[in-house]
Amino acid sequence: MLGMSRAVQDEKTVEFEFLRIERRADGIYYVAQPGGRPGVDFKLGSLRGQEAVFENAGHADHLKKIIYRKNSDGSLTARIEGEEKGQPFSQEWQYWPQPR
């Protein structure tokens, strides 16, 4: 699966990221390429009900987990968790289906 996200400010793209989910011999991976840089792998650690957790505890960057959860109202929650200067952090985004 391939994807792309971007942040827009004043009608201008200020950041972007290429994303993909791929199956490999040793598991399923979420591969993030922020700003088009080389990919960083996050292996599927758990899949429970409507939630998928991808992990890379040894990643040199501050990001350690990427979590996606489909909610009962049809929305999707995306969450990142990690560590910044020795302190835990997290950030969440909510997405809703667009009318067809």
Protein backbone atom coordinates (compact mmCIF):
# COMPACT_ATOMS: atom_id res chain seq x y z
CA MET A 1 0.00 0.00 0.00
CA LEU A 2 1.35 3.43 -0.92
CA GLY A 3 0.43 6.79 0.55
CA MET A 4 1.49 10.38 0.86
CA SER A 5 0.77 13.09 3.36
CA ARG A 6 1.46 16.79 3.27
CA ALA A 7 1.01 19.80 5.48
CA VAL A 8 -0.22 22.98 3.83
CA GLN A 9 0.11 26.50 5.23
CA ASP A 10 -1.02 29.62 3.38
CA GLU A 11 -1.76 27.45 0.32
CA LYS A 12 1.85 26.20 0.23
CA THR A 13 3.13 22.70 1.06
CA VAL A 14 5.46 23.11 4.05
CA GLU A 15 6.25 19.42 4.63
CA PHE A 16 5.48 16.07 3.05
CA GLU A 17 6.00 12.37 3.63
CA PHE A 18 5.85 9.27 1.45
CA LEU A 19 4.46 6.17 3.18
CA ARG A 20 4.09 2.51 2.36
CA ILE A 21 3.06 -0.72 4.03
CA GLU A 22 4.81 -3.82 2.73
CA ARG A 23 5.00 -7.52 3.50
CA ARG A 24 8.44 -9.03 3.94
CA ALA A 25 9.61 -12.53 4.86
CA ASP A 26 9.87 -11.53 8.55
CA GLY A 27 6.66 -9.48 8.87
CA ILE A 28 4.69 -6.43 7.79
CA TYR A 29 6.36 -3.03 7.78
CA TYR A 30 5.26 0.59 7.71
CA VAL A 31 7.97 2.56 5.90
CA ALA A 32 8.03 6.33 6.42
CA GLN A 33 10.00 8.73 4.21
CA PRO A 34 9.58 12.23 5.69
CA GLY A 35 10.63 14.91 3.25
CA GLY A 36 11.47 12.18 0.73
CA ARG A 37 14.48 11.05 2.78
CA PRO A 38 15.45 7.35 2.87
CA GLY A 39 12.78 5.13 4.42
CA VAL A 40 12.59 4.25 8.12
CA ASP A 41 11.06 0.85 8.96
CA PHE A 42 8.45 0.27 11.67
CA LYS A 43 7.51 -3.40 12.06
CA LEU A 44 3.92 -4.39 12.82
CA GLY A 45 4.06 -5.19 16.54
CA SER A 46 0.38 -5.85 17.16
CA LEU A 47 -2.92 -5.96 15.32
CA ARG A 48 -5.90 -6.06 17.68
CA GLY A 49 -9.41 -5.43 16.49
CA GLN A 50 -9.34 -2.08 14.69
CA GLU A 51 -5.85 -1.01 15.87
CA ALA A 52 -2.43 -1.56 14.28
CA VAL A 53 0.79 -0.69 16.13
CA PHE A 54 4.06 -0.37 14.20
CA GLU A 55 7.27 -0.19 16.25
CA ASN A 56 10.95 0.63 15.89
CA ALA A 57 12.29 0.88 19.44
CA GLY A 58 15.90 1.05 18.24
CA HIS A 59 15.32 3.92 15.81
CA ALA A 60 17.90 6.66 16.31
CA ASP A 61 15.27 9.34 15.73
CA HIS A 62 12.82 10.25 18.47
CA LEU A 63 9.90 8.35 16.94
CA LYS A 64 9.33 4.81 18.30
CA LYS A 65 5.68 3.91 17.52
CA ILE A 66 3.07 4.66 14.88
CA ILE A 67 -0.48 3.66 15.80
CA TYR A 68 -3.57 3.63 13.58
CA ARG A 69 -7.05 3.00 15.00
CA LYS A 70 -10.37 2.89 13.18
CA ASN A 71 -13.04 4.34 15.46
CA SER A 72 -16.69 3.31 15.77
CA ASP A 73 -17.82 6.60 14.15
CA GLY A 74 -15.86 5.74 10.99
CA SER A 75 -13.01 8.14 11.74
CA LEU A 76 -9.35 7.17 11.86
CA THR A 77 -6.92 8.13 14.63
CA ALA A 78 -3.22 8.28 13.80
CA ARG A 79 -0.84 8.56 16.76
CA ILE A 80 2.92 8.76 17.06
CA GLU A 81 4.87 8.11 20.26
CA GLY A 82 8.50 8.53 21.09
CA GLU A 83 11.07 10.34 23.15
CA GLU A 84 12.46 13.86 22.83
CA LYS A 85 15.50 14.81 24.94
CA GLY A 86 14.76 11.96 27.36
CA GLN A 87 11.08 12.88 27.76
CA PRO A 88 8.18 10.87 26.32
CA PHE A 89 5.95 12.60 23.78
CA SER A 90 2.95 11.77 21.61
CA GLN A 91 0.88 13.47 18.95
CA GLU A 92 -2.50 12.50 17.46
CA TRP A 93 -4.45 13.33 14.33
CA GLN A 94 -8.10 12.59 13.54
CA TYR A 95 -9.32 11.86 10.03
CA TRP A 96 -12.93 11.55 8.87
CA PRO A 97 -14.27 10.00 5.68
CA GLN A 98 -15.13 12.51 2.99
CA PRO A 99 -18.63 12.43 1.49
CA ARG A 100 -18.77 10.83 -1.93
